[in-house]
């Protein structure tokens, strides 16, 4: 699995995150992405920094979530998805990924 695939899929979902008004660090087993939803349009980068929400998930499970093959609540319940910080932001991100 390529991290570039993950990055391009996340980038494609960025328009769904307009108005998020939060920063998110997305940590996978292959790398990190920083989503800045405080700007319009939202941006994605590889920078490190403080985030309002940190989401940890494997690249494989992230793609399953984005394809609608993995329910975010079940993933969280079974430890496939870990969240720290503002959980409401994580819920908005998961919804945007499913719709994007």
N, C-alpha and C. Protein backbone atom coordinates (compact mmCIF):
# COMPACT_ATOMS: atom_id res chain seq x y z
N UNK A 1 0.85 -1.18 0.00
CA UNK A 1 0.00 0.00 0.00
C UNK A 1 0.89 1.24 0.00
N UNK A 2 0.52 2.20 -0.77
CA UNK A 2 1.32 3.41 -0.89
C UNK A 2 0.74 4.55 -0.06
N UNK A 3 1.62 5.22 0.66
CA UNK A 3 1.19 6.37 1.44
C UNK A 3 0.69 7.48 0.51
N UNK A 4 1.21 7.51 -0.72
CA UNK A 4 0.74 8.50 -1.69
C UNK A 4 -0.74 8.29 -2.01
N UNK A 5 -1.20 7.05 -2.01
CA UNK A 5 -2.62 6.76 -2.24
C UNK A 5 -3.44 7.35 -1.10
N UNK A 6 -2.98 7.12 0.11
CA UNK A 6 -3.67 7.67 1.29
C UNK A 6 -3.71 9.19 1.19
N UNK A 7 -2.56 9.79 0.89
CA UNK A 7 -2.47 11.25 0.82
C UNK A 7 -3.41 11.81 -0.25
N UNK A 8 -3.46 11.18 -1.41
CA UNK A 8 -4.33 11.70 -2.47
C UNK A 8 -5.81 11.53 -2.12
N UNK A 9 -6.16 10.44 -1.44
CA UNK A 9 -7.55 10.24 -1.03
C UNK A 9 -7.96 11.26 0.03
N UNK A 10 -7.05 11.55 0.96
CA UNK A 10 -7.34 12.56 1.98
C UNK A 10 -7.47 13.93 1.32
N UNK A 11 -6.57 14.23 0.39
CA UNK A 11 -6.61 15.52 -0.32
C UNK A 11 -7.93 15.67 -1.08
N UNK A 12 -8.43 14.59 -1.65
CA UNK A 12 -9.69 14.64 -2.39
C UNK A 12 -10.87 14.95 -1.46
N UNK A 13 -10.74 14.61 -0.19
CA UNK A 13 -11.82 14.85 0.78
C UNK A 13 -11.76 16.25 1.39
N UNK A 14 -10.70 16.99 1.13
CA UNK A 14 -10.53 18.31 1.76
C UNK A 14 -11.70 19.27 1.54
N UNK A 15 -12.30 19.34 0.35
CA UNK A 15 -13.43 20.27 0.19
C UNK A 15 -14.57 20.00 1.18
N UNK A 16 -14.71 18.75 1.61
CA UNK A 16 -15.76 18.40 2.57
C UNK A 16 -15.46 18.97 3.96
N UNK A 17 -14.21 19.41 4.17
CA UNK A 17 -13.79 19.89 5.49
C UNK A 17 -13.83 21.41 5.62
N UNK A 18 -14.36 22.10 4.62
CA UNK A 18 -14.49 23.56 4.71
C UNK A 18 -15.32 23.90 5.94
N UNK A 19 -14.84 24.85 6.72
CA UNK A 19 -15.54 25.26 7.92
C UNK A 19 -15.27 24.38 9.13
N UNK A 20 -14.32 23.46 9.02
CA UNK A 20 -13.98 22.58 10.15
C UNK A 20 -13.48 23.37 11.35
N UNK A 21 -12.71 24.42 11.09
CA UNK A 21 -12.18 25.30 12.14
C UNK A 21 -11.38 24.53 13.18
N UNK A 22 -10.55 23.59 12.70
CA UNK A 22 -9.71 22.80 13.60
C UNK A 22 -8.53 22.24 12.80
N UNK A 23 -7.50 21.84 13.53
CA UNK A 23 -6.36 21.17 12.90
C UNK A 23 -6.36 19.72 13.34
N UNK A 24 -5.92 18.85 12.42
CA UNK A 24 -5.95 17.42 12.67
C UNK A 24 -4.63 16.80 12.24
N UNK A 25 -4.07 15.98 13.11
CA UNK A 25 -2.90 15.19 12.74
C UNK A 25 -3.39 13.77 12.50
N UNK A 26 -3.17 13.29 11.29
CA UNK A 26 -3.58 11.95 10.90
C UNK A 26 -2.33 11.09 10.84
N UNK A 27 -2.23 10.13 11.75
CA UNK A 27 -1.03 9.30 11.87
C UNK A 27 -1.37 7.88 11.42
N UNK A 28 -0.67 7.43 10.37
CA UNK A 28 -0.84 6.06 9.90
C UNK A 28 0.46 5.30 10.12
N UNK A 29 0.44 4.03 9.79
CA UNK A 29 1.64 3.22 9.92
C UNK A 29 2.68 3.58 8.85
N UNK A 30 2.30 4.38 7.87
CA UNK A 30 3.20 4.74 6.78
C UNK A 30 3.64 6.21 6.81
N UNK A 31 3.02 7.02 7.65
CA UNK A 31 3.40 8.43 7.71
C UNK A 31 2.34 9.27 8.38
N UNK A 32 2.61 10.58 8.43
CA UNK A 32 1.71 11.54 9.07
C UNK A 32 1.24 12.57 8.07
N UNK A 33 0.02 13.02 8.28
CA UNK A 33 -0.53 14.13 7.51
C UNK A 33 -1.10 15.14 8.49
N UNK A 34 -0.95 16.40 8.17
CA UNK A 34 -1.49 17.48 8.99
C UNK A 34 -2.55 18.20 8.17
N UNK A 35 -3.77 18.19 8.65
CA UNK A 35 -4.88 18.84 7.96
C UNK A 35 -5.20 20.13 8.71
N UNK A 36 -5.15 21.24 7.98
CA UNK A 36 -5.48 22.53 8.58
C UNK A 36 -6.84 22.97 8.06
N UNK A 37 -7.84 22.76 8.89
CA UNK A 37 -9.20 23.16 8.55
C UNK A 37 -9.56 24.53 9.07
N UNK A 38 -8.55 25.30 9.53
CA UNK A 38 -8.80 26.65 10.00
C UNK A 38 -8.69 27.66 8.87
N UNK A 39 -8.22 27.21 7.71
CA UNK A 39 -8.08 28.10 6.55
C UNK A 39 -9.08 27.67 5.48
N UNK A 40 -9.36 28.58 4.56
CA UNK A 40 -10.30 28.28 3.49
C UNK A 40 -9.59 28.50 2.16
N UNK A 41 -9.37 27.48 1.39
CA UNK A 41 -9.77 26.08 1.57
C UNK A 41 -8.83 25.36 2.53
N UNK A 42 -9.29 24.25 3.12
CA UNK A 42 -8.44 23.46 4.01
C UNK A 42 -7.20 22.96 3.27
N UNK A 43 -6.11 22.79 4.01
CA UNK A 43 -4.86 22.35 3.40
C UNK A 43 -4.37 21.06 4.05
N UNK A 44 -3.47 20.40 3.35
CA UNK A 44 -2.85 19.18 3.86
C UNK A 44 -1.34 19.31 3.69
N UNK A 45 -0.59 18.86 4.69
CA UNK A 45 0.86 18.92 4.62
C UNK A 45 1.45 17.80 5.46
N UNK A 46 2.77 17.76 5.50
CA UNK A 46 3.47 16.77 6.32
C UNK A 46 4.08 17.39 7.56
N UNK A 47 3.70 18.62 7.86
CA UNK A 47 4.29 19.33 8.99
C UNK A 47 3.91 18.69 10.31
N UNK A 48 4.74 18.91 11.30
CA UNK A 48 4.43 18.51 12.66
C UNK A 48 4.00 19.74 13.43
N UNK A 49 3.16 19.57 14.37
CA UNK A 49 2.74 20.70 15.19
C UNK A 49 1.57 20.31 16.04
N UNK A 50 1.19 21.20 16.92
CA UNK A 50 0.04 20.90 17.77
C UNK A 50 -1.24 20.83 16.93
N UNK A 51 -2.05 19.85 17.26
CA UNK A 51 -3.31 19.66 16.54
C UNK A 51 -4.45 19.61 17.54
N UNK A 52 -5.61 20.05 17.09
CA UNK A 52 -6.80 19.97 17.94
C UNK A 52 -7.23 18.52 18.15
N UNK A 53 -6.92 17.68 17.18
CA UNK A 53 -7.31 16.27 17.23
C UNK A 53 -6.22 15.44 16.55
N UNK A 54 -5.88 14.33 17.16
CA UNK A 54 -4.94 13.38 16.55
C UNK A 54 -5.67 12.07 16.34
N UNK A 55 -5.59 11.57 15.11
CA UNK A 55 -6.24 10.31 14.75
C UNK A 55 -5.15 9.33 14.34
N UNK A 56 -5.15 8.17 14.97
CA UNK A 56 -4.19 7.11 14.64
C UNK A 56 -4.96 5.92 14.06
N UNK A 57 -4.55 5.52 12.84
CA UNK A 57 -5.21 4.41 12.15
C UNK A 57 -4.24 3.88 11.10
N UNK A 58 -4.29 2.61 10.81
CA UNK A 58 -3.41 2.07 9.77
C UNK A 58 -3.89 2.58 8.41
N UNK A 59 -2.98 2.64 7.47
CA UNK A 59 -3.35 3.07 6.11
C UNK A 59 -4.43 2.17 5.53
N UNK A 60 -4.28 0.87 5.76
CA UNK A 60 -5.26 -0.09 5.25
C UNK A 60 -6.64 0.19 5.82
N UNK A 61 -6.73 0.39 7.12
CA UNK A 61 -8.03 0.66 7.74
C UNK A 61 -8.58 2.03 7.36
N UNK A 62 -7.70 3.00 7.15
CA UNK A 62 -8.16 4.32 6.70
C UNK A 62 -8.82 4.22 5.33
N UNK A 63 -8.20 3.47 4.43
CA UNK A 63 -8.79 3.31 3.10
C UNK A 63 -10.11 2.54 3.18
N UNK A 64 -10.19 1.55 4.07
CA UNK A 64 -11.46 0.83 4.26
C UNK A 64 -12.54 1.79 4.78
N UNK A 65 -12.16 2.66 5.71
CA UNK A 65 -13.10 3.64 6.24
C UNK A 65 -13.59 4.56 5.12
N UNK A 66 -12.65 5.00 4.29
CA UNK A 66 -13.00 5.91 3.20
C UNK A 66 -13.87 5.23 2.15
N UNK A 67 -13.71 3.92 1.99
CA UNK A 67 -14.51 3.16 1.03
C UNK A 67 -15.85 2.71 1.60
N UNK A 68 -16.10 3.03 2.88
CA UNK A 68 -17.34 2.63 3.52
C UNK A 68 -17.35 1.17 3.96
N UNK A 69 -16.18 0.54 3.99
CA UNK A 69 -16.09 -0.87 4.38
C UNK A 69 -15.73 -1.05 5.85
N UNK A 70 -15.51 0.05 6.56
CA UNK A 70 -15.19 0.01 7.98
C UNK A 70 -15.95 1.13 8.67
N UNK A 71 -16.77 0.76 9.63
CA UNK A 71 -17.53 1.74 10.39
C UNK A 71 -16.61 2.41 11.40
N UNK A 72 -16.57 3.75 11.44
CA UNK A 72 -15.67 4.44 12.36
C UNK A 72 -15.92 4.11 13.83
N UNK A 73 -17.17 3.93 14.22
CA UNK A 73 -17.48 3.62 15.62
C UNK A 73 -16.98 2.22 15.99
N UNK A 74 -17.14 1.26 15.08
CA UNK A 74 -16.63 -0.08 15.34
C UNK A 74 -15.11 -0.08 15.37
N UNK A 75 -14.51 0.67 14.46
CA UNK A 75 -13.05 0.76 14.42
C UNK A 75 -12.53 1.32 15.74
N UNK A 76 -13.20 2.33 16.25
CA UNK A 76 -12.81 2.93 17.53
C UNK A 76 -13.01 1.94 18.68
N UNK A 77 -14.15 1.28 18.67
CA UNK A 77 -14.47 0.33 19.73
C UNK A 77 -13.45 -0.81 19.81
N UNK A 78 -13.00 -1.28 18.64
CA UNK A 78 -12.07 -2.41 18.60
C UNK A 78 -10.61 -1.99 18.55
N UNK A 79 -10.34 -0.69 18.75
CA UNK A 79 -8.97 -0.21 18.84
C UNK A 79 -8.25 -0.06 17.51
N UNK A 80 -8.98 -0.13 16.40
CA UNK A 80 -8.36 0.06 15.09
C UNK A 80 -8.20 1.53 14.77
N UNK A 81 -8.89 2.37 15.53
CA UNK A 81 -8.88 3.81 15.35
C UNK A 81 -8.73 4.42 16.74
N UNK A 82 -7.71 5.25 16.91
CA UNK A 82 -7.48 5.89 18.20
C UNK A 82 -7.54 7.40 18.03
N UNK A 83 -8.20 8.05 18.97
CA UNK A 83 -8.42 9.49 18.88
C UNK A 83 -7.95 10.15 20.16
N UNK A 84 -7.23 11.24 20.01
CA UNK A 84 -6.93 12.07 21.17
C UNK A 84 -7.25 13.51 20.80
N UNK A 85 -7.67 14.28 21.78
CA UNK A 85 -8.09 15.65 21.51
C UNK A 85 -9.59 15.73 21.32
N UNK A 86 -10.01 16.63 20.46
CA UNK A 86 -11.43 16.89 20.25
C UNK A 86 -12.09 15.79 19.42
N UNK A 87 -12.88 14.96 20.07
CA UNK A 87 -13.50 13.83 19.37
C UNK A 87 -14.55 14.28 18.36
N UNK A 88 -15.18 15.42 18.59
CA UNK A 88 -16.15 15.94 17.63
C UNK A 88 -15.51 16.23 16.28
N UNK A 89 -14.27 16.68 16.32
CA UNK A 89 -13.53 16.94 15.08
C UNK A 89 -13.28 15.62 14.35
N UNK A 90 -12.92 14.58 15.10
CA UNK A 90 -12.68 13.27 14.49
C UNK A 90 -13.95 12.75 13.82
N UNK A 91 -15.09 12.99 14.43
CA UNK A 91 -16.35 12.55 13.84
C UNK A 91 -16.62 13.28 12.52
N UNK A 92 -16.32 14.57 12.48
CA UNK A 92 -16.51 15.34 11.24
C UNK A 92 -15.56 14.83 10.15
N UNK A 93 -14.32 14.52 10.54
CA UNK A 93 -13.34 14.00 9.59
C UNK A 93 -13.82 12.67 9.02
N UNK A 94 -14.25 11.77 9.89
CA UNK A 94 -14.73 10.45 9.44
C UNK A 94 -15.90 10.59 8.47
N UNK A 95 -16.80 11.51 8.77
CA UNK A 95 -17.94 11.74 7.90
C UNK A 95 -17.50 12.27 6.54
N UNK A 96 -16.56 13.19 6.53
CA UNK A 96 -16.05 13.75 5.27
C UNK A 96 -15.34 12.68 4.46
N UNK A 97 -14.61 11.81 5.12
CA UNK A 97 -13.90 10.75 4.41
C UNK A 97 -14.88 9.78 3.76
N UNK A 98 -15.95 9.46 4.45
CA UNK A 98 -16.95 8.54 3.90
C UNK A 98 -17.69 9.17 2.72
N UNK A 99 -17.94 10.48 2.81
CA UNK A 99 -18.70 11.17 1.77
C UNK A 99 -17.81 11.58 0.60
N UNK A 100 -16.51 11.69 0.86
CA UNK A 100 -15.58 12.20 -0.16
C UNK A 100 -15.15 11.24 -1.19
